[in-house]
Amino acid sequence: MEKNMTAYFVARLSVKDPEAMAEYSKSAAPLIAAHGGKVLFRGDASDNLTGEMSMPNIVVFEFPSKGKINEFFTSAEYQALTDMREAGAEMVLSAHDAV
C-alpha cells in the first residue's frame, strides 16, 4: 500500500523552441492536474546566487505522492508528448519525496 506523502516533480530546462514549449506546456497541464499535480513555482535562475546553471528555467509541481508522479509520467497520454517536449526544451525531470 502506497503512503500518501506529498512529492515533488521538478523540471529543469533550457528552452530550444518557445512555440513547441508552449504547446507542450498546454498539453501537459491537464494531464498533470488529472493526476493531482499542481504548479508550485515557475521561474528562471536569473538571480543565481552561486555556481552556473546550464538549465536556467525551473518548474516545481506538487503531487499527492510519488506514485501519482509515476502514474502521470508513465501514462500513455504523457508519453505521447515526448517528441513535443524534446523539441521544445532540453530537460532534466526528477521526482522527490517531501522531507
Protein backbone atom coordinates (compact mmCIF):
# COMPACT_ATOMS: atom_id res chain seq x y z
CA MET A 1 0.00 0.00 0.00
CA GLU A 2 1.37 3.41 -1.00
CA LYS A 3 1.86 6.12 1.56
CA ASN A 4 0.09 9.37 0.76
CA MET A 5 3.08 11.63 1.22
CA THR A 6 3.48 14.80 -0.76
CA ALA A 7 6.07 14.54 -3.52
CA TYR A 8 7.54 16.99 -5.98
CA PHE A 9 8.10 16.72 -9.72
CA VAL A 10 10.87 19.08 -10.77
CA ALA A 11 11.62 20.14 -14.34
CA ARG A 12 14.89 21.92 -15.03
CA LEU A 13 15.02 23.13 -18.59
CA SER A 14 16.57 25.21 -21.29
CA VAL A 15 14.05 26.25 -23.95
CA LYS A 16 15.03 25.45 -27.56
CA ASP A 17 11.77 26.33 -29.34
CA PRO A 18 9.37 28.64 -27.48
CA GLU A 19 6.36 27.70 -29.67
CA ALA A 20 6.89 23.96 -29.19
CA MET A 21 7.45 24.52 -25.47
CA ALA A 22 4.20 26.48 -25.18
CA GLU A 23 2.30 23.71 -26.97
CA TYR A 24 3.90 21.05 -24.75
CA SER A 25 3.01 23.00 -21.60
CA LYS A 26 -0.57 23.48 -22.78
CA SER A 27 -0.89 19.74 -23.50
CA ALA A 28 0.81 18.55 -20.30
CA ALA A 29 -1.08 20.83 -17.88
CA PRO A 30 -4.40 18.93 -17.89
CA LEU A 31 -2.57 15.59 -17.53
CA ILE A 32 -0.67 16.88 -14.52
CA ALA A 33 -3.91 18.14 -12.95
CA ALA A 34 -5.69 14.85 -13.68
CA HIS A 35 -3.05 13.06 -11.57
CA GLY A 36 -3.37 15.51 -8.68
CA GLY A 37 -0.43 17.73 -9.60
CA LYS A 38 -0.30 21.50 -9.31
CA VAL A 39 2.36 24.10 -10.08
CA LEU A 40 4.12 25.49 -7.01
CA PHE A 41 6.82 27.52 -8.72
CA ARG A 42 7.83 28.50 -12.24
CA GLY A 43 10.76 30.78 -12.93
CA ASP A 44 14.33 31.18 -14.00
CA ALA A 45 17.70 31.30 -12.32
CA SER A 46 18.44 34.87 -13.39
CA ASP A 47 19.33 35.67 -9.77
CA ASN A 48 21.60 32.65 -9.24
CA LEU A 49 23.49 33.22 -6.01
CA THR A 50 26.34 30.81 -6.70
CA GLY A 51 27.52 28.48 -9.44
CA GLU A 52 26.48 28.21 -13.06
CA MET A 53 23.11 26.92 -14.15
CA SER A 54 23.14 25.22 -17.56
CA MET A 55 19.34 24.86 -17.47
CA PRO A 56 18.13 28.26 -16.30
CA ASN A 57 14.40 27.54 -16.03
CA ILE A 58 12.71 25.51 -13.33
CA VAL A 59 9.16 24.35 -12.67
CA VAL A 60 8.18 22.61 -9.42
CA PHE A 61 4.93 20.65 -9.21
CA GLU A 62 3.38 19.22 -6.05
CA PHE A 63 1.69 15.81 -6.26
CA PRO A 64 -0.13 13.83 -3.56
CA SER A 65 2.55 11.10 -3.73
CA LYS A 66 5.49 9.81 -5.74
CA GLY A 67 3.16 7.10 -7.03
CA LYS A 68 0.95 9.77 -8.60
CA ILE A 69 4.02 11.29 -10.27
CA ASN A 70 4.89 7.87 -11.69
CA GLU A 71 1.29 7.33 -12.87
CA PHE A 72 1.40 10.70 -14.65
CA PHE A 73 4.87 10.24 -16.14
CA THR A 74 4.31 6.70 -17.40
CA SER A 75 0.79 7.33 -18.73
CA ALA A 76 0.29 6.77 -22.46
CA GLU A 77 -1.10 10.30 -22.76
CA TYR A 78 2.03 11.89 -21.30
CA GLN A 79 4.42 9.59 -23.14
CA ALA A 80 2.74 10.73 -26.38
CA LEU A 81 4.11 14.22 -25.63
CA THR A 82 7.76 13.10 -25.58
CA ASP A 83 8.61 14.37 -29.08
CA MET A 84 6.94 17.72 -28.36
CA ARG A 85 8.80 18.01 -25.04
CA GLU A 86 12.15 17.23 -26.66
CA ALA A 87 11.51 19.70 -29.49
CA GLY A 88 10.60 22.44 -27.02
CA ALA A 89 13.41 22.15 -24.49
CA GLU A 90 16.34 20.26 -23.13
CA MET A 91 15.04 18.96 -19.79
CA VAL A 92 16.05 17.14 -16.67
CA LEU A 93 12.98 15.73 -14.89
CA SER A 94 13.09 14.36 -11.36
CA ALA A 95 10.78 13.17 -8.59
CA HIS A 96 11.38 13.94 -4.92
CA ASP A 97 9.74 12.87 -1.68
CA ALA A 98 8.83 15.62 0.77
CA VAL A 99 11.14 15.88 3.74
